[in-house]
N, C-alpha and C. Protein backbone atom coordinates (compact mmCIF):
# COMPACT_ATOMS: atom_id res chain seq x y z
N UNK A 1 1.12 -1.32 0.11
CA UNK A 1 0.11 -0.25 -0.21
C UNK A 1 1.05 1.20 -0.14
N UNK A 2 0.40 1.91 -0.49
CA UNK A 2 1.06 3.52 -0.84
C UNK A 2 0.90 4.54 0.40
N UNK A 3 1.78 5.13 0.45
CA UNK A 3 1.66 5.80 1.61
C UNK A 3 2.49 7.66 1.43
N UNK A 4 1.56 8.69 1.76
CA UNK A 4 1.69 9.83 1.75
C UNK A 4 2.11 10.68 2.68
N UNK A 5 3.30 11.64 2.29
CA UNK A 5 4.11 12.56 3.23
C UNK A 5 3.61 13.77 3.29
N UNK A 6 4.26 14.37 4.00
CA UNK A 6 4.34 15.80 3.60
C UNK A 6 5.78 16.30 4.23
N UNK A 7 6.26 17.09 3.61
CA UNK A 7 7.75 17.90 3.92
C UNK A 7 8.23 19.55 4.12
N UNK A 8 8.46 19.96 5.16
CA UNK A 8 8.23 21.40 5.49
C UNK A 8 8.74 21.79 6.57
N UNK A 9 8.05 23.00 7.10
CA UNK A 9 8.61 23.67 8.51
C UNK A 9 7.02 23.06 8.80
N UNK A 10 7.47 22.80 10.13
CA UNK A 10 6.68 22.43 11.35
C UNK A 10 5.50 23.04 11.19
N UNK A 11 5.03 24.34 11.38
CA UNK A 11 3.72 25.18 11.71
C UNK A 11 2.88 24.85 10.18
N UNK A 12 3.75 24.63 8.77
CA UNK A 12 3.06 24.54 8.06
C UNK A 12 2.52 22.72 7.84
N UNK A 13 3.11 21.91 8.35
CA UNK A 13 2.88 20.55 8.03
C UNK A 13 2.07 19.62 8.90
N UNK A 14 2.22 20.33 10.52
CA UNK A 14 1.31 19.74 11.42
C UNK A 14 0.25 19.24 11.39
N UNK A 15 -0.69 20.17 10.49
CA UNK A 15 -2.32 19.80 10.48
C UNK A 15 -2.07 18.24 9.76
N UNK A 16 -0.99 18.09 8.74
CA UNK A 16 -1.28 17.09 8.07
C UNK A 16 -1.62 15.64 8.86
N UNK A 17 -0.92 15.60 9.82
CA UNK A 17 -0.62 14.45 10.69
C UNK A 17 -2.08 13.96 10.99
N UNK A 18 -2.97 14.94 11.31
CA UNK A 18 -4.39 14.78 12.02
C UNK A 18 -5.19 14.30 11.01
N UNK A 19 -4.54 13.71 9.91
CA UNK A 19 -5.51 12.73 8.55
C UNK A 19 -4.56 11.59 8.28
N UNK A 20 -4.09 11.63 9.17
CA UNK A 20 -2.99 10.27 8.83
C UNK A 20 -1.54 10.32 7.71
N UNK A 21 -1.38 11.33 7.20
CA UNK A 21 -0.07 11.81 6.57
C UNK A 21 0.75 11.55 7.19
N UNK A 22 2.02 11.09 7.04
CA UNK A 22 3.44 11.39 7.57
C UNK A 22 3.83 12.54 7.69
N UNK A 23 4.55 13.23 8.54
CA UNK A 23 5.02 14.23 8.71
C UNK A 23 6.31 14.22 8.66
N UNK A 24 7.00 15.33 7.95
CA UNK A 24 8.80 15.29 8.11
C UNK A 24 9.09 16.72 7.78
N UNK A 25 9.22 17.31 9.49
CA UNK A 25 9.46 19.07 9.63
C UNK A 25 10.71 18.83 9.07
N UNK A 26 11.57 19.63 8.28
CA UNK A 26 12.47 20.07 7.89
C UNK A 26 12.96 21.63 7.36
N UNK A 27 13.70 22.30 7.55
CA UNK A 27 13.81 23.69 7.58
C UNK A 27 14.76 24.01 6.56
N UNK A 28 15.38 23.13 6.22
CA UNK A 28 16.32 23.82 5.09
C UNK A 28 17.07 22.75 3.59
N UNK A 29 17.32 23.28 2.54
CA UNK A 29 17.19 22.74 1.35
C UNK A 29 18.37 21.11 1.25
N UNK A 30 19.19 21.48 1.96
CA UNK A 30 19.85 19.94 1.99
C UNK A 30 19.33 18.97 3.06
N UNK A 31 18.75 19.16 4.19
CA UNK A 31 17.73 18.03 4.70
C UNK A 31 16.57 17.78 3.62
N UNK A 32 15.99 19.02 2.84
CA UNK A 32 14.89 18.19 2.16
C UNK A 32 15.30 17.46 1.30
N UNK A 33 16.30 17.88 0.74
CA UNK A 33 16.81 17.04 -0.86
C UNK A 33 16.94 15.59 -0.11
N UNK A 34 17.42 15.12 1.11
CA UNK A 34 17.84 13.73 2.10
C UNK A 34 16.55 12.95 1.91
N UNK A 35 15.55 13.88 2.88
CA UNK A 35 14.50 13.52 3.07
C UNK A 35 13.36 12.96 1.93
N UNK A 36 13.44 13.83 0.88
CA UNK A 36 12.59 13.72 -0.57
C UNK A 36 13.06 12.66 -0.89
N UNK A 37 14.59 11.94 -1.23
CA UNK A 37 15.08 10.90 -2.08
C UNK A 37 14.55 9.75 -0.86
N UNK A 38 14.58 9.85 0.33
CA UNK A 38 14.31 8.89 1.71
C UNK A 38 12.92 8.06 0.85
N UNK A 39 12.28 9.41 0.99
CA UNK A 39 10.65 9.39 0.78
C UNK A 39 10.64 8.84 -0.63
N UNK A 40 10.70 8.94 -1.72
CA UNK A 40 10.69 8.69 -2.88
C UNK A 40 11.36 6.87 -2.99
N UNK A 41 12.15 6.92 -2.15
CA UNK A 41 12.51 5.35 -2.65
C UNK A 41 11.98 4.59 -1.53
N UNK A 42 11.09 5.18 -0.94
CA UNK A 42 10.76 4.35 0.35
C UNK A 42 8.75 3.59 0.25
N UNK A 43 8.18 4.17 -1.14
CA UNK A 43 7.07 3.81 -1.27
C UNK A 43 6.01 4.75 -1.05
N UNK A 44 6.36 5.84 -1.10
CA UNK A 44 5.28 7.19 -0.74
C UNK A 44 5.41 7.46 -2.12
N UNK A 45 3.70 7.91 -2.22
CA UNK A 45 3.30 7.77 -3.68
C UNK A 45 3.06 9.44 -3.92
N UNK A 46 2.56 9.96 -2.76
CA UNK A 46 2.38 11.44 -2.87
C UNK A 46 2.87 12.18 -1.94
N UNK A 47 4.06 12.66 -2.01
CA UNK A 47 4.83 13.92 -1.44
C UNK A 47 4.17 15.43 -1.49
N UNK A 48 3.62 15.55 -0.25
CA UNK A 48 3.64 17.34 -0.35
C UNK A 48 4.47 18.14 0.32
N UNK A 49 5.04 18.58 -0.39
CA UNK A 49 6.33 19.92 -0.20
C UNK A 49 6.01 21.26 0.11
N UNK A 50 6.32 21.53 1.19
CA UNK A 50 6.17 23.55 0.80
C UNK A 50 6.62 24.01 -0.14
N UNK A 51 6.59 25.31 -0.43
CA UNK A 51 6.55 25.78 -2.04
C UNK A 51 7.92 26.30 -1.85
N UNK A 52 8.52 26.39 -0.61
CA UNK A 52 9.46 27.62 -0.20
C UNK A 52 10.87 26.65 -0.08
N UNK A 53 10.64 25.19 -0.03
CA UNK A 53 11.46 23.99 0.36
C UNK A 53 11.40 23.71 -1.62
N UNK A 54 10.56 23.14 -2.19
CA UNK A 54 10.34 23.31 -3.70
C UNK A 54 11.44 24.03 -4.16
N UNK A 55 11.16 25.50 -3.92
CA UNK A 55 11.54 26.32 -5.08
C UNK A 55 13.45 26.14 -4.99
N UNK A 56 13.47 25.56 -3.20
CA UNK A 56 15.15 25.01 -3.28
C UNK A 56 15.43 23.83 -3.82
N UNK A 57 14.60 22.96 -3.83
CA UNK A 57 15.11 21.50 -4.46
C UNK A 57 14.79 21.20 -5.65
N UNK A 58 15.09 22.36 -7.04
CA UNK A 58 14.88 22.52 -8.44
C UNK A 58 15.24 20.73 -9.17
N UNK A 59 16.42 20.72 -9.15
CA UNK A 59 17.24 19.55 -9.77
C UNK A 59 16.58 18.12 -8.90
N UNK A 60 16.52 18.13 -7.44
CA UNK A 60 16.20 17.12 -7.38
C UNK A 60 14.84 16.92 -7.18
N UNK A 61 13.55 17.54 -7.67
CA UNK A 61 12.50 17.19 -7.70
C UNK A 61 12.31 16.98 -9.26
N UNK A 62 13.23 17.57 -10.02
CA UNK A 62 12.97 17.00 -11.34
C UNK A 62 13.71 15.53 -11.50
N UNK A 63 13.88 15.22 -10.83
CA UNK A 63 14.39 13.52 -11.37
C UNK A 63 13.42 12.73 -11.01
N UNK A 64 12.38 12.99 -10.46
CA UNK A 64 10.84 12.25 -10.01
C UNK A 64 10.37 12.93 -11.21
N UNK A 65 10.09 14.21 -12.08
CA UNK A 65 8.97 14.64 -12.98
C UNK A 65 8.98 13.31 -13.89
N UNK A 66 9.52 12.60 -14.52
CA UNK A 66 8.95 12.04 -15.50
C UNK A 66 8.60 10.44 -15.23
N UNK A 67 9.12 10.44 -13.83
CA UNK A 67 8.34 8.65 -13.13
C UNK A 67 6.91 9.08 -12.82
N UNK A 68 6.09 7.90 -13.02
CA UNK A 68 4.83 7.79 -12.10
C UNK A 68 4.60 8.03 -11.06
N UNK A 69 5.79 7.80 -9.95
CA UNK A 69 5.56 8.20 -8.61
C UNK A 69 7.14 8.30 -8.20
N UNK A 70 7.14 8.97 -7.08
CA UNK A 70 5.68 9.61 -6.60
C UNK A 70 5.60 10.73 -6.79
N UNK A 71 4.29 11.24 -6.93
CA UNK A 71 3.82 12.69 -7.22
C UNK A 71 4.16 13.68 -5.93
N UNK A 72 5.16 14.26 -6.64
CA UNK A 72 5.23 15.78 -5.92
C UNK A 72 4.58 16.71 -5.91
N UNK A 73 4.01 17.71 -4.74
CA UNK A 73 3.15 18.30 -5.01
C UNK A 73 3.32 19.55 -4.18
N UNK A 74 3.65 20.61 -4.78
CA UNK A 74 4.03 21.82 -3.65
C UNK A 74 3.02 22.58 -3.27
N UNK A 75 3.31 22.82 -1.69
CA UNK A 75 1.48 23.51 -1.23
C UNK A 75 2.41 24.69 -0.97
N UNK A 76 1.25 26.09 -0.53
CA UNK A 76 1.89 26.81 0.47
C UNK A 76 2.09 26.63 1.78
N UNK A 77 3.23 27.57 2.27
CA UNK A 77 4.05 26.95 3.54
C UNK A 77 2.82 28.31 4.44
N UNK A 78 3.49 27.82 5.63
CA UNK A 78 3.21 29.27 6.83
C UNK A 78 2.81 31.02 6.51
N UNK A 79 4.03 30.96 5.71
CA UNK A 79 4.54 32.03 5.26
C UNK A 79 3.53 32.74 4.27
N UNK A 80 2.33 31.65 3.59
CA UNK A 80 1.91 32.22 2.42
C UNK A 80 2.28 31.67 1.38
N UNK A 81 1.84 32.13 0.18
CA UNK A 81 1.98 31.36 -1.08
C UNK A 81 2.78 32.46 -1.90
N UNK A 82 3.61 31.71 -2.44
CA UNK A 82 4.81 32.05 -3.09
C UNK A 82 4.22 32.31 -4.82
N UNK A 83 3.59 31.39 -5.22
CA UNK A 83 3.38 31.33 -6.68
C UNK A 83 4.06 30.33 -7.26
N UNK A 84 4.97 29.52 -6.67
CA UNK A 84 5.43 27.77 -6.97
C UNK A 84 4.37 27.15 -7.46
N UNK A 85 3.46 27.23 -6.43
CA UNK A 85 2.40 25.96 -6.90
C UNK A 85 1.73 26.25 -8.08
N UNK A 86 1.37 26.73 -8.26
CA UNK A 86 0.29 27.61 -9.87
C UNK A 86 1.13 27.39 -10.93
N UNK A 87 2.56 28.36 -10.46
CA UNK A 87 3.92 28.13 -11.99
C UNK A 87 3.79 26.46 -12.31
N UNK A 88 3.96 25.36 -11.08
CA UNK A 88 3.77 24.50 -11.70
C UNK A 88 2.81 23.44 -12.35
N UNK A 89 1.74 23.92 -11.78
CA UNK A 89 0.40 23.22 -12.67
C UNK A 89 0.67 23.89 -14.41
N UNK A 90 0.41 25.60 -14.19
CA UNK A 90 0.91 25.71 -15.27
C UNK A 90 1.37 24.62 -16.27
N UNK A 91 2.48 24.71 -15.56
CA UNK A 91 3.89 23.91 -16.70
C UNK A 91 3.26 22.94 -16.78
N UNK A 92 2.62 22.00 -15.97
CA UNK A 92 1.91 20.61 -16.49
C UNK A 92 1.03 20.77 -17.41
N UNK A 93 0.34 21.86 -17.49
CA UNK A 93 -1.09 22.00 -18.49
C UNK A 93 -0.44 22.25 -19.57
N UNK A 94 0.80 22.98 -20.08
CA UNK A 94 1.79 23.33 -21.07
C UNK A 94 1.61 22.33 -21.91
N UNK A 95 2.59 21.79 -20.86
CA UNK A 95 2.89 19.94 -21.38
C UNK A 95 2.47 19.18 -21.59
N UNK A 96 1.12 19.17 -21.21
CA UNK A 96 0.09 17.67 -21.49
C UNK A 96 -0.75 18.46 -22.60
N UNK A 97 -1.08 19.74 -22.99
CA UNK A 97 -2.36 20.19 -23.57
C UNK A 97 -1.40 20.83 -24.81
N UNK A 98 -0.41 21.36 -24.74
CA UNK A 98 0.27 22.11 -25.64
C UNK A 98 0.40 23.53 -25.57
N UNK A 99 -0.42 23.93 -24.44
CA UNK A 99 -0.84 25.75 -24.42
C UNK A 99 -0.94 25.95 -23.06
N UNK A 100 -0.85 27.61 -22.69
CA UNK A 100 -1.60 27.56 -21.36
C UNK A 100 -3.30 27.76 -21.60
N UNK A 101 -3.44 27.26 -20.79
CA UNK A 101 -5.24 27.12 -20.73
C UNK A 101 -5.72 27.90 -19.64
N UNK A 102 -4.83 28.10 -18.27
CA UNK A 102 -5.52 28.59 -17.10
C UNK A 102 -4.87 30.61 -17.35
N UNK A 103 -5.91 30.89 -17.13
CA UNK A 103 -5.85 32.09 -17.68
C UNK A 103 -5.80 33.10 -16.42
N UNK A 104 -5.24 34.45 -16.24
CA UNK A 104 -5.22 34.93 -14.72
C UNK A 104 -6.47 36.22 -14.82
N UNK A 105 -7.24 36.44 -14.27
CA UNK A 105 -8.65 37.27 -14.27
C UNK A 105 -7.98 39.05 -14.13
N UNK A 106 -6.22 38.76 -13.78
CA UNK A 106 -5.77 40.40 -13.73
C UNK A 106 -5.35 41.14 -14.70
């Protein structure tokens, strides 16, 4: 059975434990990269990671982008939304559809 985890600062991911996810509090990129590798190789199908760490782990995340598992999903942290998550969604849509179909109302 696959597992789900969340990586990020403690304040941002603590609530995920209440719904049964495994949480891994980390504050810096080097520890996050190591933790991401451990989870990806440890049977986790979905890994949520705060946007701040996601932005620091570009190359590490790219290692898993073409693989079916794990799905690595950026989430806003306690400090707010940095825009990395929506940028990743747009990139995935362009890759799948061939053009940007997500429009900003601004």
